Amino acid sequence: MKPPELRSIIVDDEAPAREQLQERLLAHPNVQVVGEASSVATAVALCADLRPNLVFLDVQLRDGDGFSVLPRLDPLPAVIFVTAYDQYAVRAFEINAIDYLLKPVRPDRLAHALERIIRQPQPTHTETLLEDDRIFLRSDTRMRVVIVTEISGIEAQENYSLVRLFDGSSTLMRKPMSEWERGLPATRFLKPHRSLIVNREAVRKIVMQERDEITVELAGFPEPVRLGRRAALRLRRALREPNLL
């Protein structure tokens, strides 16, 4: 199988380290280095401009650390950390980095890391997620990785969506509800209203308020959610629990 074409950026604050990695990559003609950066700000700007699908990323940079680059990238490319420090490896793999290479980079380890990209293709925006898949939650200030089933629900917030987790935390993302609806597994999630997606397992209590209105208590939500009659009917049908109402 022909290796995928990889447009890459090298982010490292040391020029000799960037040059050495460039030399190592000559053995991999499918990898094209389209840019170099020595700081967080330059890395973010280059990624926005050049849209690479792979970033070689150092941890310690002039104006911050490599981890602070990732929440500001959309879409997020494949990431291979290249650093002189091994204490960040666990954190790197928690955010689904392809690999973590120590300097000086050995040719065999670099080849192995690039091979992992072939074996682990990146999902598309329209791909349906599985319940045990890991996904990135990226806001303007931070990024975290969660399992799909940790999401208790999603609320529309104008051009954003507020993702709520069972632990009570939340992340505001620039992602439309329609994209969530296409990507989340229908076996687990339902959409009773155009501005709300609910994890079936998050429903704790449904209370009739008036003839045409109910409130739903959801795990991870600070307050009950109010739904009108049509949304309540859709929720009841989806849950297949008519006695709840």
Protein backbone atom coordinates (compact mmCIF):
# COMPACT_ATOMS: atom_id res chain seq x y z
CA MET A 1 0.00 0.00 0.00
CA LYS A 2 1.31 3.42 -0.92
CA PRO A 3 2.07 5.57 2.17
CA PRO A 4 -0.23 8.59 2.62
CA GLU A 5 1.09 11.99 1.58
CA LEU A 6 1.90 13.92 4.75
CA ARG A 7 2.24 17.71 4.78
CA SER A 8 4.14 18.41 7.96
CA ILE A 9 5.33 21.29 10.12
CA ILE A 10 8.27 21.04 12.52
CA VAL A 11 7.81 23.04 15.73
CA ASP A 12 11.00 23.33 17.80
CA ASP A 13 12.80 26.32 19.30
CA GLU A 14 16.23 24.93 18.41
CA ALA A 15 17.35 25.27 14.79
CA PRO A 16 19.82 22.33 14.95
CA ALA A 17 17.01 20.05 16.14
CA ARG A 18 14.80 21.14 13.24
CA GLU A 19 17.63 20.54 10.78
CA GLN A 20 18.35 17.07 12.14
CA LEU A 21 14.71 16.06 11.86
CA GLN A 22 14.60 17.43 8.31
CA GLU A 23 17.57 15.17 7.45
CA ARG A 24 15.89 12.13 9.03
CA LEU A 25 12.74 12.79 7.01
CA LEU A 26 14.63 12.64 3.70
CA ALA A 27 14.33 8.87 4.00
CA HIS A 28 10.54 9.24 3.87
CA PRO A 29 9.58 10.84 0.53
CA ASN A 30 5.89 10.79 1.41
CA VAL A 31 6.55 13.36 4.16
CA GLN A 32 6.85 16.94 2.91
CA VAL A 33 7.98 19.60 5.40
CA VAL A 34 6.01 22.70 4.45
CA GLY A 35 7.01 24.93 7.35
CA GLU A 36 8.99 25.39 10.55
CA ALA A 37 8.17 27.26 13.75
CA SER A 38 10.05 28.05 16.95
CA SER A 39 7.17 29.38 19.07
CA VAL A 40 3.56 28.70 19.97
CA ALA A 41 2.32 31.79 18.13
CA THR A 42 4.20 30.97 14.92
CA ALA A 43 3.09 27.32 15.03
CA VAL A 44 -0.58 28.30 15.33
CA ALA A 45 -0.29 30.83 12.50
CA LEU A 46 1.49 28.34 10.21
CA CYS A 47 -1.07 25.62 10.84
CA ALA A 48 -3.92 28.02 10.05
CA ASP A 49 -2.14 29.10 6.87
CA LEU A 50 -0.70 25.83 5.55
CA ARG A 51 -3.21 23.28 6.93
CA PRO A 52 -0.70 20.46 7.57
CA ASN A 53 -1.95 16.98 8.40
CA LEU A 54 1.06 16.22 10.61
CA VAL A 55 2.93 18.29 13.21
CA PHE A 56 6.24 17.37 14.82
CA LEU A 57 5.95 19.21 18.12
CA ASP A 58 8.50 19.99 20.83
CA VAL A 59 7.18 20.35 24.38
CA GLN A 60 9.20 23.36 25.54
CA LEU A 61 9.00 26.40 23.24
CA ARG A 62 10.01 30.06 23.55
CA ASP A 63 6.60 31.39 24.51
CA GLY A 64 4.93 28.39 26.13
CA ASP A 65 4.68 24.62 25.79
CA GLY A 66 3.70 22.49 22.84
CA PHE A 67 0.49 21.33 24.52
CA SER A 68 -0.86 24.89 24.41
CA VAL A 69 -0.67 24.82 20.60
CA LEU A 70 -3.22 22.03 20.19
CA PRO A 71 -6.43 23.69 21.50
CA ARG A 72 -5.93 26.43 18.91
CA LEU A 73 -5.79 24.12 15.88
CA ASP A 74 -8.91 23.27 13.92
CA PRO A 75 -8.87 20.78 12.36
CA LEU A 76 -6.36 19.03 14.57
CA PRO A 77 -3.59 17.30 12.58
CA ALA A 78 -1.79 14.14 13.61
CA VAL A 79 0.80 15.00 16.28
CA ILE A 80 4.19 13.43 16.95
CA PHE A 81 5.98 14.91 19.96
CA VAL A 82 9.76 15.30 19.59
CA THR A 83 11.46 16.35 22.81
CA ALA A 84 14.47 15.86 25.07
CA TYR A 85 12.25 15.20 28.09
CA ASP A 86 10.47 11.92 28.81
CA GLN A 87 8.25 13.09 31.70
CA TYR A 88 5.53 14.41 29.37
CA ALA A 89 4.90 11.10 27.58
CA VAL A 90 1.79 10.15 29.58
CA ARG A 91 0.18 13.52 28.95
CA ALA A 92 1.02 13.27 25.24
CA PHE A 93 -0.72 9.93 24.85
CA GLU A 94 -3.70 11.15 26.87
CA ILE A 95 -4.39 13.58 24.03
CA ASN A 96 -4.01 10.83 21.44
CA ALA A 97 -0.59 11.80 20.09
CA ILE A 98 0.61 9.41 17.41
CA ASP A 99 3.99 8.95 19.12
CA TYR A 100 6.50 10.50 21.51
CA LEU A 101 10.09 10.62 20.26
CA LEU A 102 13.12 11.51 22.34
CA LYS A 103 15.99 13.57 20.96
CA PRO A 104 18.21 12.74 19.21
CA VAL A 105 15.60 11.05 17.04
CA ARG A 106 16.57 7.56 15.99
CA PRO A 107 15.74 6.67 12.36
CA ASP A 108 13.99 3.43 13.36
CA ARG A 109 11.77 5.19 15.93
CA LEU A 110 10.85 7.86 13.38
CA ALA A 111 9.94 5.19 10.84
CA HIS A 112 7.81 3.42 13.44
CA ALA A 113 5.97 6.64 14.31
CA LEU A 114 5.17 7.34 10.66
CA GLU A 115 4.00 3.75 10.23
CA ARG A 116 1.55 4.29 13.08
CA ILE A 117 -0.13 7.06 11.08
CA ILE A 118 -0.84 4.55 8.31
CA ARG A 119 -2.32 2.09 10.80
CA GLN A 120 -4.28 4.76 12.64
CA PRO A 121 -6.04 7.00 10.10
CA GLN A 122 -7.72 10.14 11.33
CA PRO A 123 -11.55 10.11 11.44
CA THR A 124 -13.50 12.41 9.14
CA HIS A 125 -16.03 14.93 10.43
CA THR A 126 -18.93 12.84 9.16
CA GLU A 127 -17.75 9.50 10.51
CA THR A 128 -20.08 7.97 13.10
CA LEU A 129 -18.37 7.54 16.43
CA LEU A 130 -18.51 4.38 18.52
CA GLU A 131 -19.49 4.50 22.17
CA ASP A 132 -15.97 3.74 23.39
CA ASP A 133 -14.21 6.12 20.98
CA ARG A 134 -12.06 8.96 22.34
CA ILE A 135 -12.81 12.44 21.05
CA PHE A 136 -11.23 15.87 21.46
CA LEU A 137 -13.19 18.62 23.18
CA ARG A 138 -11.52 21.85 22.09
CA SER A 139 -12.50 25.27 23.36
CA ASP A 140 -10.73 28.58 22.81
CA THR A 141 -8.64 28.05 25.93
CA ARG A 142 -8.09 24.34 26.45
CA MET A 143 -8.40 20.84 25.10
CA ARG A 144 -9.32 17.56 26.73
CA VAL A 145 -9.92 14.02 25.56
CA VAL A 146 -13.02 12.10 26.68
CA ILE A 147 -14.79 8.86 25.92
CA VAL A 148 -18.01 9.36 23.93
CA THR A 149 -20.13 7.85 26.72
CA GLU A 150 -18.80 10.46 29.20
CA ILE A 151 -20.93 13.06 27.38
CA SER A 152 -24.26 13.51 29.17
CA GLY A 153 -25.71 16.02 26.73
CA ILE A 154 -25.10 18.91 24.35
CA GLU A 155 -26.88 22.27 24.25
CA ALA A 156 -26.91 24.73 21.36
CA GLN A 157 -25.45 28.15 22.24
CA GLU A 158 -25.90 30.32 19.12
CA ASN A 159 -22.87 29.47 16.92
CA TYR A 160 -21.41 27.22 19.64
CA SER A 161 -22.37 24.03 21.39
CA LEU A 162 -22.01 23.42 25.12
CA VAL A 163 -20.87 19.86 25.78
CA ARG A 164 -21.77 18.65 29.28
CA LEU A 165 -20.16 15.62 30.89
CA PHE A 166 -21.45 13.28 33.60
CA ASP A 167 -18.88 14.72 36.05
CA GLY A 168 -20.56 18.14 35.84
CA SER A 169 -17.87 19.83 33.76
CA SER A 170 -18.56 21.41 30.37
CA THR A 171 -16.76 22.68 27.26
CA LEU A 172 -18.00 25.38 24.88
CA MET A 173 -17.06 24.45 21.31
CA ARG A 174 -17.46 26.08 17.91
CA LYS A 175 -19.28 23.11 16.42
CA PRO A 176 -22.87 22.97 15.10
CA MET A 177 -25.49 20.65 16.55
CA SER A 178 -26.00 19.08 13.12
CA GLU A 179 -22.41 17.81 13.15
CA TRP A 180 -22.85 16.31 16.61
CA GLU A 181 -26.08 14.65 15.51
CA ARG A 182 -24.39 13.02 12.50
CA GLY A 183 -21.36 11.88 14.48
CA LEU A 184 -22.73 10.60 17.78
CA PRO A 185 -24.02 6.99 17.95
CA ALA A 186 -27.83 6.91 17.68
CA THR A 187 -27.91 3.88 19.96
CA ARG A 188 -26.85 6.12 22.83
CA PHE A 189 -27.86 9.69 21.96
CA LEU A 190 -31.19 11.26 21.01
CA LYS A 191 -32.30 14.73 19.97
CA PRO A 192 -35.68 15.69 21.47
CA HIS A 193 -35.24 19.34 20.48
CA ARG A 194 -33.21 21.17 17.84
CA SER A 195 -31.10 22.78 20.57
CA LEU A 196 -30.57 19.68 22.75
CA ILE A 197 -28.93 16.27 22.39
CA VAL A 198 -29.22 13.85 25.31
CA ASN A 199 -27.38 10.73 26.36
CA ARG A 200 -30.11 8.20 27.21
CA GLU A 201 -28.15 7.12 30.29
CA ALA A 202 -28.14 10.70 31.61
CA VAL A 203 -31.94 10.90 32.06
CA ARG A 204 -32.60 10.78 35.80
CA LYS A 205 -36.14 12.07 36.19
CA ILE A 206 -38.97 13.45 34.06
CA VAL A 207 -41.62 15.61 35.74
CA MET A 208 -44.85 16.92 34.24
CA GLN A 209 -45.10 20.65 34.93
CA GLU A 210 -48.12 21.66 32.90
CA ARG A 211 -50.20 20.10 30.18
CA ASP A 212 -47.72 21.08 27.47
CA GLU A 213 -44.45 21.18 29.39
CA ILE A 214 -42.12 18.86 31.29
CA THR A 215 -38.78 19.19 33.05
CA VAL A 216 -36.02 16.62 32.62
CA GLU A 217 -33.30 16.10 35.20
CA LEU A 218 -30.07 15.08 33.46
CA ALA A 219 -26.82 13.90 35.02
CA GLY A 220 -24.12 16.54 34.60
CA PHE A 221 -26.61 19.38 34.06
CA PRO A 222 -26.78 22.00 36.85
CA GLU A 223 -30.53 22.54 36.41
CA PRO A 224 -33.47 20.58 34.96
CA VAL A 225 -34.18 21.17 31.26
CA ARG A 226 -37.63 22.35 30.21
CA LEU A 227 -39.22 20.77 27.13
CA GLY A 228 -42.47 21.48 25.34
CA ARG A 229 -45.08 18.86 24.43
CA ARG A 230 -43.61 17.85 21.05
CA ALA A 231 -40.09 17.55 22.41
CA ALA A 232 -41.40 15.57 25.38
CA LEU A 233 -43.21 13.20 23.03
CA ARG A 234 -40.04 12.65 20.99
CA LEU A 235 -38.09 12.01 24.18
CA ARG A 236 -40.67 9.48 25.42
CA ARG A 237 -40.71 7.62 22.13
CA ALA A 238 -36.93 7.55 21.95
CA LEU A 239 -36.55 6.27 25.47
CA ARG A 240 -39.33 3.72 24.92
CA GLU A 241 -40.37 4.29 28.50
CA PRO A 242 -43.90 5.77 28.39
CA ASN A 243 -44.33 5.24 32.14
CA LEU A 244 -41.70 7.89 32.81
CA LEU A 245 -44.23 10.52 31.83
